[in-house]
């Protein structure tokens, strides 16, 4: 099943700057070859269900490997059965609607 997720990983107890840990997670996603887009408060990732959730697991494992004992993460999950719609397509649809008004 095709899935689109918004994924926010927050390493706890590492101070104020999270960018080294988020960058490590981005490298994992990139290596797995999934479509993704980094945002200011999370990352959109899409692909087959098993691949996306395995990638999220790998992100957790990598950040723990960097010495983080605890991670808090949030996920928003979107699936459709009628067609495959990318997150970029969804954004474009909203922008198109804005242009009409």
PDB file of N, CA and C in Angstrom:
ATOM      1  N   UNK A   1       0.847  -1.179   0.000  1.00  0.00           N
ATOM      2  CA  UNK A   1       0.000   0.000   0.000  1.00  0.00           C
ATOM      3  C   UNK A   1       0.889   1.238   0.000  1.00  0.00           C
ATOM      4  N   UNK A   2       0.542   2.204  -0.842  1.00  0.00           N
ATOM      5  CA  UNK A   2       1.265   3.469  -0.924  1.00  0.00           C
ATOM      6  C   UNK A   2       0.875   4.332   0.263  1.00  0.00           C
ATOM      7  N   UNK A   3       1.863   4.980   0.886  1.00  0.00           N
ATOM      8  CA  UNK A   3       1.617   5.808   2.060  1.00  0.00           C
ATOM      9  C   UNK A   3       2.429   7.092   1.973  1.00  0.00           C
ATOM     10  N   UNK A   4       1.848   8.145   2.492  1.00  0.00           N
ATOM     11  CA  UNK A   4       2.524   9.422   2.639  1.00  0.00           C
ATOM     12  C   UNK A   4       2.476   9.773   4.120  1.00  0.00           C
ATOM     13  N   UNK A   5       3.631  10.100   4.691  1.00  0.00           N
ATOM     14  CA  UNK A   5       3.671  10.434   6.113  1.00  0.00           C
ATOM     15  C   UNK A   5       4.359  11.771   6.327  1.00  0.00           C
ATOM     16  N   UNK A   6       3.946  12.447   7.366  1.00  0.00           N
ATOM     17  CA  UNK A   6       4.689  13.570   7.921  1.00  0.00           C
ATOM     18  C   UNK A   6       5.337  13.028   9.176  1.00  0.00           C
ATOM     19  N   UNK A   7       6.644  13.115   9.255  1.00  0.00           N
ATOM     20  CA  UNK A   7       7.443  12.479  10.285  1.00  0.00           C
ATOM     21  C   UNK A   7       8.265  13.540  10.998  1.00  0.00           C
ATOM     22  N   UNK A   8       8.138  13.595  12.304  1.00  0.00           N
ATOM     23  CA  UNK A   8       8.925  14.526  13.102  1.00  0.00           C
ATOM     24  C   UNK A   8       9.627  13.743  14.204  1.00  0.00           C
ATOM     25  N   UNK A   9      10.938  13.708  14.147  1.00  0.00           N
ATOM     26  CA  UNK A   9      11.748  12.999  15.125  1.00  0.00           C
ATOM     27  C   UNK A   9      12.434  14.023  16.019  1.00  0.00           C
ATOM     28  N   UNK A  10      12.244  13.889  17.332  1.00  0.00           N
ATOM     29  CA  UNK A  10      12.829  14.827  18.287  1.00  0.00           C
ATOM     30  C   UNK A  10      13.709  14.052  19.275  1.00  0.00           C
ATOM     31  N   UNK A  11      15.020  14.176  19.135  1.00  0.00           N
ATOM     32  CA  UNK A  11      15.908  13.547  20.111  1.00  0.00           C
ATOM     33  C   UNK A  11      15.849  14.332  21.419  1.00  0.00           C
ATOM     34  N   UNK A  12      15.695  13.648  22.540  1.00  0.00           N
ATOM     35  CA  UNK A  12      15.591  14.321  23.835  1.00  0.00           C
ATOM     36  C   UNK A  12      16.935  14.298  24.559  1.00  0.00           C
ATOM     37  N   UNK A  13      17.179  15.361  25.309  1.00  0.00           N
ATOM     38  CA  UNK A  13      18.381  15.433  26.127  1.00  0.00           C
ATOM     39  C   UNK A  13      19.647  15.776  25.373  1.00  0.00           C
ATOM     40  N   UNK A  14      19.520  16.416  24.215  1.00  0.00           N
ATOM     41  CA  UNK A  14      20.702  16.719  23.401  1.00  0.00           C
ATOM     42  C   UNK A  14      20.985  18.210  23.295  1.00  0.00           C
ATOM     43  N   UNK A  15      20.243  19.023  24.018  1.00  0.00           N
ATOM     44  CA  UNK A  15      20.437  20.466  23.936  1.00  0.00           C
ATOM     45  C   UNK A  15      19.472  21.091  22.950  1.00  0.00           C
ATOM     46  N   UNK A  16      19.781  22.301  22.562  1.00  0.00           N
ATOM     47  CA  UNK A  16      18.862  23.092  21.746  1.00  0.00           C
ATOM     48  C   UNK A  16      18.939  22.748  20.261  1.00  0.00           C
ATOM     49  N   UNK A  17      20.128  22.534  19.736  1.00  0.00           N
ATOM     50  CA  UNK A  17      20.280  22.277  18.302  1.00  0.00           C
ATOM     51  C   UNK A  17      20.023  20.815  17.975  1.00  0.00           C
ATOM     52  N   UNK A  18      19.054  20.591  17.104  1.00  0.00           N
ATOM     53  CA  UNK A  18      18.701  19.238  16.686  1.00  0.00           C
ATOM     54  C   UNK A  18      19.218  18.905  15.294  1.00  0.00           C
ATOM     55  N   UNK A  19      19.752  19.898  14.591  1.00  0.00           N
ATOM     56  CA  UNK A  19      20.085  19.721  13.178  1.00  0.00           C
ATOM     57  C   UNK A  19      21.042  18.561  12.891  1.00  0.00           C
ATOM     58  N   UNK A  20      22.049  18.256  13.722  1.00  0.00           N
ATOM     59  CA  UNK A  20      22.901  17.109  13.384  1.00  0.00           C
ATOM     60  C   UNK A  20      22.133  15.785  13.367  1.00  0.00           C
ATOM     61  N   UNK A  21      21.152  15.662  14.230  1.00  0.00           N
ATOM     62  CA  UNK A  21      20.365  14.430  14.321  1.00  0.00           C
ATOM     63  C   UNK A  21      19.355  14.338  13.182  1.00  0.00           C
ATOM     64  N   UNK A  22      18.757  15.470  12.843  1.00  0.00           N
ATOM     65  CA  UNK A  22      17.811  15.497  11.721  1.00  0.00           C
ATOM     66  C   UNK A  22      18.565  15.225  10.422  1.00  0.00           C
ATOM     67  N   UNK A  23      19.764  15.780  10.294  1.00  0.00           N
ATOM     68  CA  UNK A  23      20.574  15.530   9.101  1.00  0.00           C
ATOM     69  C   UNK A  23      20.914  14.038   8.985  1.00  0.00           C
ATOM     70  N   UNK A  24      21.217  13.401  10.105  1.00  0.00           N
ATOM     71  CA  UNK A  24      21.509  11.964  10.090  1.00  0.00           C
ATOM     72  C   UNK A  24      20.303  11.180   9.594  1.00  0.00           C
ATOM     73  N   UNK A  25      19.128  11.573  10.044  1.00  0.00           N
ATOM     74  CA  UNK A  25      17.891  10.914   9.605  1.00  0.00           C
ATOM     75  C   UNK A  25      17.647  11.171   8.115  1.00  0.00           C
ATOM     76  N   UNK A  26      17.906  12.375   7.658  1.00  0.00           N
ATOM     77  CA  UNK A  26      17.734  12.690   6.236  1.00  0.00           C
ATOM     78  C   UNK A  26      18.636  11.822   5.373  1.00  0.00           C
ATOM     79  N   UNK A  27      19.854  11.581   5.851  1.00  0.00           N
ATOM     80  CA  UNK A  27      20.772  10.709   5.092  1.00  0.00           C
ATOM     81  C   UNK A  27      20.225   9.288   4.994  1.00  0.00           C
ATOM     82  N   UNK A  28      19.591   8.817   6.059  1.00  0.00           N
ATOM     83  CA  UNK A  28      18.976   7.484   6.036  1.00  0.00           C
ATOM     84  C   UNK A  28      17.867   7.443   4.989  1.00  0.00           C
ATOM     85  N   UNK A  29      16.998   8.446   4.994  1.00  0.00           N
ATOM     86  CA  UNK A  29      15.881   8.491   4.045  1.00  0.00           C
ATOM     87  C   UNK A  29      16.414   8.554   2.618  1.00  0.00           C
ATOM     88  N   UNK A  30      17.410   9.401   2.406  1.00  0.00           N
ATOM     89  CA  UNK A  30      17.996   9.544   1.074  1.00  0.00           C
ATOM     90  C   UNK A  30      18.616   8.228   0.606  1.00  0.00           C
ATOM     91  N   UNK A  31      19.341   7.559   1.487  1.00  0.00           N
ATOM     92  CA  UNK A  31      19.977   6.283   1.144  1.00  0.00           C
ATOM     93  C   UNK A  31      18.939   5.231   0.773  1.00  0.00           C
ATOM     94  N   UNK A  32      17.768   5.268   1.451  1.00  0.00           N
ATOM     95  CA  UNK A  32      16.709   4.305   1.145  1.00  0.00           C
ATOM     96  C   UNK A  32      15.997   4.615  -0.171  1.00  0.00           C
ATOM     97  N   UNK A  33      16.264   5.787  -0.745  1.00  0.00           N
ATOM     98  CA  UNK A  33      15.715   6.121  -2.055  1.00  0.00           C
ATOM     99  C   UNK A  33      14.249   6.514  -2.057  1.00  0.00           C
ATOM    100  N   UNK A  34      13.729   6.895  -0.903  1.00  0.00           N
ATOM    101  CA  UNK A  34      12.326   7.302  -0.836  1.00  0.00           C
ATOM    102  C   UNK A  34      12.174   8.765  -1.223  1.00  0.00           C
ATOM    103  N   UNK A  35      11.010   9.102  -1.748  1.00  0.00           N
ATOM    104  CA  UNK A  35      10.684  10.503  -2.008  1.00  0.00           C
ATOM    105  C   UNK A  35      10.482  11.184  -0.658  1.00  0.00           C
ATOM    106  N   UNK A  36      11.099  12.350  -0.475  1.00  0.00           N
ATOM    107  CA  UNK A  36      10.929  13.071   0.779  1.00  0.00           C
ATOM    108  C   UNK A  36      11.134  14.560   0.559  1.00  0.00           C
ATOM    109  N   UNK A  37      10.646  15.315   1.507  1.00  0.00           N
ATOM    110  CA  UNK A  37      10.854  16.753   1.487  1.00  0.00           C
ATOM    111  C   UNK A  37      10.982  17.234   2.920  1.00  0.00           C
ATOM    112  N   UNK A  38      12.118  17.833   3.213  1.00  0.00           N
ATOM    113  CA  UNK A  38      12.377  18.379   4.533  1.00  0.00           C
ATOM    114  C   UNK A  38      11.568  19.651   4.732  1.00  0.00           C
ATOM    115  N   UNK A  39      10.912  19.753   5.872  1.00  0.00           N
ATOM    116  CA  UNK A  39      10.175  20.958   6.223  1.00  0.00           C
ATOM    117  C   UNK A  39      10.733  21.530   7.513  1.00  0.00           C
ATOM    118  N   UNK A  40      10.237  22.684   7.937  1.00  0.00           N
ATOM    119  CA  UNK A  40      10.765  23.322   9.139  1.00  0.00           C
ATOM    120  C   UNK A  40      10.424  22.576  10.425  1.00  0.00           C
ATOM    121  N   UNK A  41       9.384  21.758  10.407  1.00  0.00           N
ATOM    122  CA  UNK A  41       8.949  21.054  11.611  1.00  0.00           C
ATOM    123  C   UNK A  41       8.725  19.567  11.381  1.00  0.00           C
ATOM    124  N   UNK A  42       9.378  19.033  10.367  1.00  0.00           N
ATOM    125  CA  UNK A  42       9.225  17.616  10.066  1.00  0.00           C
ATOM    126  C   UNK A  42       9.586  17.340   8.617  1.00  0.00           C
ATOM    127  N   UNK A  43       9.443  16.089   8.245  1.00  0.00           N
ATOM    128  CA  UNK A  43       9.786  15.647   6.903  1.00  0.00           C
ATOM    129  C   UNK A  43       8.625  14.846   6.327  1.00  0.00           C
ATOM    130  N   UNK A  44       8.261  15.150   5.091  1.00  0.00           N
ATOM    131  CA  UNK A  44       7.266  14.349   4.380  1.00  0.00           C
ATOM    132  C   UNK A  44       8.010  13.230   3.663  1.00  0.00           C
ATOM    133  N   UNK A  45       7.499  12.023   3.807  1.00  0.00           N
ATOM    134  CA  UNK A  45       8.112  10.845   3.187  1.00  0.00           C
ATOM    135  C   UNK A  45       6.996  10.029   2.546  1.00  0.00           C
ATOM    136  N   UNK A  46       7.249   9.491   1.351  1.00  0.00           N
ATOM    137  CA  UNK A  46       6.239   8.642   0.728  1.00  0.00           C
ATOM    138  C   UNK A  46       6.875   7.461   0.046  1.00  0.00           C
ATOM    139  N   UNK A  47       6.068   6.405  -0.053  1.00  0.00           N
ATOM    140  CA  UNK A  47       6.504   5.179  -0.694  1.00  0.00           C
ATOM    141  C   UNK A  47       5.616   4.034  -0.258  1.00  0.00           C
ATOM    142  N   UNK A  48       6.067   2.824  -0.518  1.00  0.00           N
ATOM    143  CA  UNK A  48       5.312   1.660  -0.082  1.00  0.00           C
ATOM    144  C   UNK A  48       5.358   1.577   1.446  1.00  0.00           C
ATOM    145  N   UNK A  49       4.247   1.177   2.046  1.00  0.00           N
ATOM    146  CA  UNK A  49       4.076   1.155   3.504  1.00  0.00           C
ATOM    147  C   UNK A  49       5.274   0.532   4.219  1.00  0.00           C
ATOM    148  N   UNK A  50       5.641  -0.678   3.828  1.00  0.00           N
ATOM    149  CA  UNK A  50       6.713  -1.403   4.508  1.00  0.00           C
ATOM    150  C   UNK A  50       8.029  -0.640   4.402  1.00  0.00           C
ATOM    151  N   UNK A  51       8.316  -0.085   3.242  1.00  0.00           N
ATOM    152  CA  UNK A  51       9.571   0.639   3.043  1.00  0.00           C
ATOM    153  C   UNK A  51       9.618   1.915   3.873  1.00  0.00           C
ATOM    154  N   UNK A  52       8.514   2.650   3.929  1.00  0.00           N
ATOM    155  CA  UNK A  52       8.475   3.902   4.692  1.00  0.00           C
ATOM    156  C   UNK A  52       8.655   3.625   6.188  1.00  0.00           C
ATOM    157  N   UNK A  53       7.930   2.645   6.703  1.00  0.00           N
ATOM    158  CA  UNK A  53       8.025   2.386   8.132  1.00  0.00           C
ATOM    159  C   UNK A  53       9.350   1.720   8.511  1.00  0.00           C
ATOM    160  N   UNK A  54       9.936   0.949   7.611  1.00  0.00           N
ATOM    161  CA  UNK A  54      11.277   0.416   7.856  1.00  0.00           C
ATOM    162  C   UNK A  54      12.291   1.565   7.889  1.00  0.00           C
ATOM    163  N   UNK A  55      12.118   2.534   7.029  1.00  0.00           N
ATOM    164  CA  UNK A  55      13.006   3.696   6.993  1.00  0.00           C
ATOM    165  C   UNK A  55      12.893   4.507   8.291  1.00  0.00           C
ATOM    166  N   UNK A  56      11.680   4.687   8.784  1.00  0.00           N
ATOM    167  CA  UNK A  56      11.488   5.406  10.044  1.00  0.00           C
ATOM    168  C   UNK A  56      12.191   4.659  11.177  1.00  0.00           C
ATOM    169  N   UNK A  57      12.099   3.347  11.164  1.00  0.00           N
ATOM    170  CA  UNK A  57      12.810   2.532  12.157  1.00  0.00           C
ATOM    171  C   UNK A  57      14.317   2.773  12.052  1.00  0.00           C
ATOM    172  N   UNK A  58      14.841   2.790  10.821  1.00  0.00           N
ATOM    173  CA  UNK A  58      16.270   3.025  10.620  1.00  0.00           C
ATOM    174  C   UNK A  58      16.686   4.412  11.115  1.00  0.00           C
ATOM    175  N   UNK A  59      15.812   5.401  10.934  1.00  0.00           N
ATOM    176  CA  UNK A  59      16.108   6.749  11.448  1.00  0.00           C
ATOM    177  C   UNK A  59      16.258   6.703  12.962  1.00  0.00           C
ATOM    178  N   UNK A  60      15.345   6.021  13.619  1.00  0.00           N
ATOM    179  CA  UNK A  60      15.437   5.882  15.080  1.00  0.00           C
ATOM    180  C   UNK A  60      16.742   5.184  15.464  1.00  0.00           C
ATOM    181  N   UNK A  61      17.049   4.101  14.776  1.00  0.00           N
ATOM    182  CA  UNK A  61      18.270   3.346  15.095  1.00  0.00           C
ATOM    183  C   UNK A  61      19.519   4.205  14.907  1.00  0.00           C
ATOM    184  N   UNK A  62      19.541   4.998  13.840  1.00  0.00           N
ATOM    185  CA  UNK A  62      20.709   5.845  13.568  1.00  0.00           C
ATOM    186  C   UNK A  62      20.870   6.928  14.637  1.00  0.00           C
ATOM    187  N   UNK A  63      19.788   7.562  15.011  1.00  0.00           N
ATOM    188  CA  UNK A  63      19.871   8.619  16.024  1.00  0.00           C
ATOM    189  C   UNK A  63      20.249   8.017  17.379  1.00  0.00           C
ATOM    190  N   UNK A  64      19.723   6.863  17.705  1.00  0.00           N
ATOM    191  CA  UNK A  64      20.159   6.186  18.933  1.00  0.00           C
ATOM    192  C   UNK A  64      21.654   5.840  18.855  1.00  0.00           C
ATOM    193  N   UNK A  65      22.104   5.409  17.688  1.00  0.00           N
ATOM    194  CA  UNK A  65      23.520   5.073  17.496  1.00  0.00           C
ATOM    195  C   UNK A  65      24.417   6.275  17.764  1.00  0.00           C
ATOM    196  N   UNK A  66      23.883   7.468  17.529  1.00  0.00           N
ATOM    197  CA  UNK A  66      24.642   8.697  17.772  1.00  0.00           C
ATOM    198  C   UNK A  66      24.683   9.076  19.255  1.00  0.00           C
ATOM    199  N   UNK A  67      24.100   8.244  20.093  1.00  0.00           N
ATOM    200  CA  UNK A  67      24.182   8.475  21.526  1.00  0.00           C
ATOM    201  C   UNK A  67      22.932   9.020  22.182  1.00  0.00           C
ATOM    202  N   UNK A  68      21.851   9.137  21.434  1.00  0.00           N
ATOM    203  CA  UNK A  68      20.601   9.640  21.992  1.00  0.00           C
ATOM    204  C   UNK A  68      19.862   8.486  22.665  1.00  0.00           C
ATOM    205  N   UNK A  69      19.587   8.645  23.958  1.00  0.00           N
ATOM    206  CA  UNK A  69      18.902   7.588  24.697  1.00  0.00           C
ATOM    207  C   UNK A  69      17.402   7.571  24.462  1.00  0.00           C
ATOM    208  N   UNK A  70      16.823   8.751  24.197  1.00  0.00           N
ATOM    209  CA  UNK A  70      15.362   8.819  24.063  1.00  0.00           C
ATOM    210  C   UNK A  70      14.985   9.693  22.876  1.00  0.00           C
ATOM    211  N   UNK A  71      14.001   9.213  22.125  1.00  0.00           N
ATOM    212  CA  UNK A  71      13.468   9.937  20.964  1.00  0.00           C
ATOM    213  C   UNK A  71      11.960  10.025  21.109  1.00  0.00           C
ATOM    214  N   UNK A  72      11.433  11.211  20.823  1.00  0.00           N
ATOM    215  CA  UNK A  72       9.987  11.393  20.731  1.00  0.00           C
ATOM    216  C   UNK A  72       9.701  11.668  19.262  1.00  0.00           C
ATOM    217  N   UNK A  73       8.768  10.938  18.682  1.00  0.00           N
ATOM    218  CA  UNK A  73       8.447  11.133  17.266  1.00  0.00           C
ATOM    219  C   UNK A  73       6.944  11.207  17.074  1.00  0.00           C
ATOM    220  N   UNK A  74       6.542  11.997  16.090  1.00  0.00           N
ATOM    221  CA  UNK A  74       5.141  12.041  15.695  1.00  0.00           C
ATOM    222  C   UNK A  74       5.045  11.668  14.226  1.00  0.00           C
ATOM    223  N   UNK A  75       3.929  11.026  13.889  1.00  0.00           N
ATOM    224  CA  UNK A  75       3.658  10.629  12.510  1.00  0.00           C
ATOM    225  C   UNK A  75       2.227  10.997  12.152  1.00  0.00           C
ATOM    226  N   UNK A  76       2.064  11.546  10.988  1.00  0.00           N
ATOM    227  CA  UNK A  76       0.740  11.685  10.380  1.00  0.00           C
ATOM    228  C   UNK A  76       0.780  10.814   9.138  1.00  0.00           C
ATOM    229  N   UNK A  77      -0.190   9.921   9.007  1.00  0.00           N
ATOM    230  CA  UNK A  77      -0.172   8.912   7.954  1.00  0.00           C
ATOM    231  C   UNK A  77      -1.370   9.106   7.033  1.00  0.00           C
ATOM    232  N   UNK A  78      -1.104   9.094   5.733  1.00  0.00           N
ATOM    233  CA  UNK A  78      -2.159   9.280   4.747  1.00  0.00           C
ATOM    234  C   UNK A  78      -2.090   8.151   3.723  1.00  0.00           C
ATOM    235  N   UNK A  79      -3.213   7.462   3.535  1.00  0.00           N
ATOM    236  CA  UNK A  79      -3.312   6.438   2.483  1.00  0.00           C
ATOM    237  C   UNK A  79      -4.568   6.700   1.668  1.00  0.00           C
ATOM    238  N   UNK A  80      -4.542   6.234   0.437  1.00  0.00           N
ATOM    239  CA  UNK A  80      -5.708   6.313  -0.451  1.00  0.00           C
ATOM    240  C   UNK A  80      -5.833   4.988  -1.169  1.00  0.00           C
ATOM    241  N   UNK A  81      -7.056   4.601  -1.470  1.00  0.00           N
ATOM    242  CA  UNK A  81      -7.263   3.384  -2.242  1.00  0.00           C
ATOM    243  C   UNK A  81      -7.677   3.674  -3.674  1.00  0.00           C
ATOM    244  N   UNK A  82      -8.096   4.909  -3.954  1.00  0.00           N
ATOM    245  CA  UNK A  82      -8.585   5.226  -5.300  1.00  0.00           C
ATOM    246  C   UNK A  82      -7.470   5.594  -6.272  1.00  0.00           C
ATOM    247  N   UNK A  83      -6.348   6.146  -5.746  1.00  0.00           N
ATOM    248  CA  UNK A  83      -5.229   6.484  -6.618  1.00  0.00           C
ATOM    249  C   UNK A  83      -4.008   6.834  -5.785  1.00  0.00           C
ATOM    250  N   UNK A  84      -2.854   6.863  -6.428  1.00  0.00           N
ATOM    251  CA  UNK A  84      -1.611   7.259  -5.768  1.00  0.00           C
ATOM    252  C   UNK A  84      -1.439   8.762  -5.958  1.00  0.00           C
ATOM    253  N   UNK A  85      -1.399   9.491  -4.864  1.00  0.00           N
ATOM    254  CA  UNK A  85      -1.251  10.943  -4.919  1.00  0.00           C
ATOM    255  C   UNK A  85      -0.032  11.347  -4.096  1.00  0.00           C
ATOM    256  N   UNK A  86       0.926  11.997  -4.741  1.00  0.00           N
ATOM    257  CA  UNK A  86       2.144  12.402  -4.039  1.00  0.00           C
ATOM    258  C   UNK A  86       1.875  13.630  -3.175  1.00  0.00           C
ATOM    259  N   UNK A  87       2.725  13.838  -2.180  1.00  0.00           N
ATOM    260  CA  UNK A  87       2.556  15.017  -1.334  1.00  0.00           C
ATOM    261  C   UNK A  87       2.776  16.291  -2.139  1.00  0.00           C
ATOM    262  N   UNK A  88       3.633  16.246  -3.130  1.00  0.00           N
ATOM    263  CA  UNK A  88       3.846  17.431  -3.973  1.00  0.00           C
ATOM    264  C   UNK A  88       2.588  17.742  -4.793  1.00  0.00           C
ATOM    265  N   UNK A  89       1.915  16.707  -5.246  1.00  0.00           N
ATOM    266  CA  UNK A  89       0.667  16.887  -5.994  1.00  0.00           C
ATOM    267  C   UNK A  89      -0.408  17.511  -5.107  1.00  0.00           C
ATOM    268  N   UNK A  90      -0.473  17.075  -3.844  1.00  0.00           N
ATOM    269  CA  UNK A  90      -1.461  17.620  -2.914  1.00  0.00           C
ATOM    270  C   UNK A  90      -1.222  19.110  -2.689  1.00  0.00           C
ATOM    271  N   UNK A  91       0.041  19.499  -2.527  1.00  0.00           N
ATOM    272  CA  UNK A  91       0.379  20.912  -2.325  1.00  0.00           C
ATOM    273  C   UNK A  91       0.022  21.708  -3.581  1.00  0.00           C
ATOM    274  N   UNK A  92       0.350  21.163  -4.731  1.00  0.00           N
ATOM    275  CA  UNK A  92       0.024  21.836  -5.995  1.00  0.00           C
ATOM    276  C   UNK A  92      -1.464  22.054  -6.164  1.00  0.00           C
ATOM    277  N   UNK A  93      -2.264  21.109  -5.708  1.00  0.00           N
ATOM    278  CA  UNK A  93      -3.716  21.236  -5.791  1.00  0.00           C
ATOM    279  C   UNK A  93      -4.209  22.421  -4.967  1.00  0.00           C
ATOM    280  N   UNK A  94      -3.661  22.596  -3.783  1.00  0.00           N
ATOM    281  CA  UNK A  94      -4.047  23.723  -2.930  1.00  0.00           C
ATOM    282  C   UNK A  94      -3.606  25.039  -3.569  1.00  0.00           C
ATOM    283  N   UNK A  95      -2.394  25.082  -4.087  1.00  0.00           N
ATOM    284  CA  UNK A  95      -1.892  26.302  -4.722  1.00  0.00           C
ATOM    285  C   UNK A  95      -2.751  26.662  -5.920  1.00  0.00           C
ATOM    286  N   UNK A  96      -3.154  25.658  -6.687  1.00  0.00           N
ATOM    287  CA  UNK A  96      -4.024  25.885  -7.823  1.00  0.00           C
ATOM    288  C   UNK A  96      -5.357  26.490  -7.385  1.00  0.00           C
ATOM    289  N   UNK A  97      -5.891  25.995  -6.291  1.00  0.00           N
ATOM    290  CA  UNK A  97      -7.146  26.539  -5.763  1.00  0.00           C
ATOM    291  C   UNK A  97      -6.969  27.985  -5.294  1.00  0.00           C
ATOM    292  N   UNK A  98      -5.817  28.303  -4.721  1.00  0.00           N
ATOM    293  CA  UNK A  98      -5.551  29.676  -4.299  1.00  0.00           C
ATOM    294  C   UNK A  98      -5.487  30.617  -5.500  1.00  0.00           C
ATOM    295  N   UNK A  99      -4.896  30.144  -6.589  1.00  0.00           N
ATOM    296  CA  UNK A  99      -4.758  30.966  -7.796  1.00  0.00           C
ATOM    297  C   UNK A  99      -6.118  31.290  -8.427  1.00  0.00           C
ATOM    298  N   UNK A 100      -7.113  30.469  -8.179  1.00  0.00           N
ATOM    299  CA  UNK A 100      -8.437  30.667  -8.790  1.00  0.00           C
ATOM    300  C   UNK A 100      -9.257  31.719  -8.065  1.00  0.00           C
ATOM    301  N   UNK A 101      -8.806  32.124  -6.893  1.00  0.00           N
ATOM    302  CA  UNK A 101      -9.601  33.111  -6.123  1.00  0.00           C
ATOM    303  C   UNK A 101      -8.864  34.394  -5.942  1.00  0.00           C
TER     304      UNK A 101
END
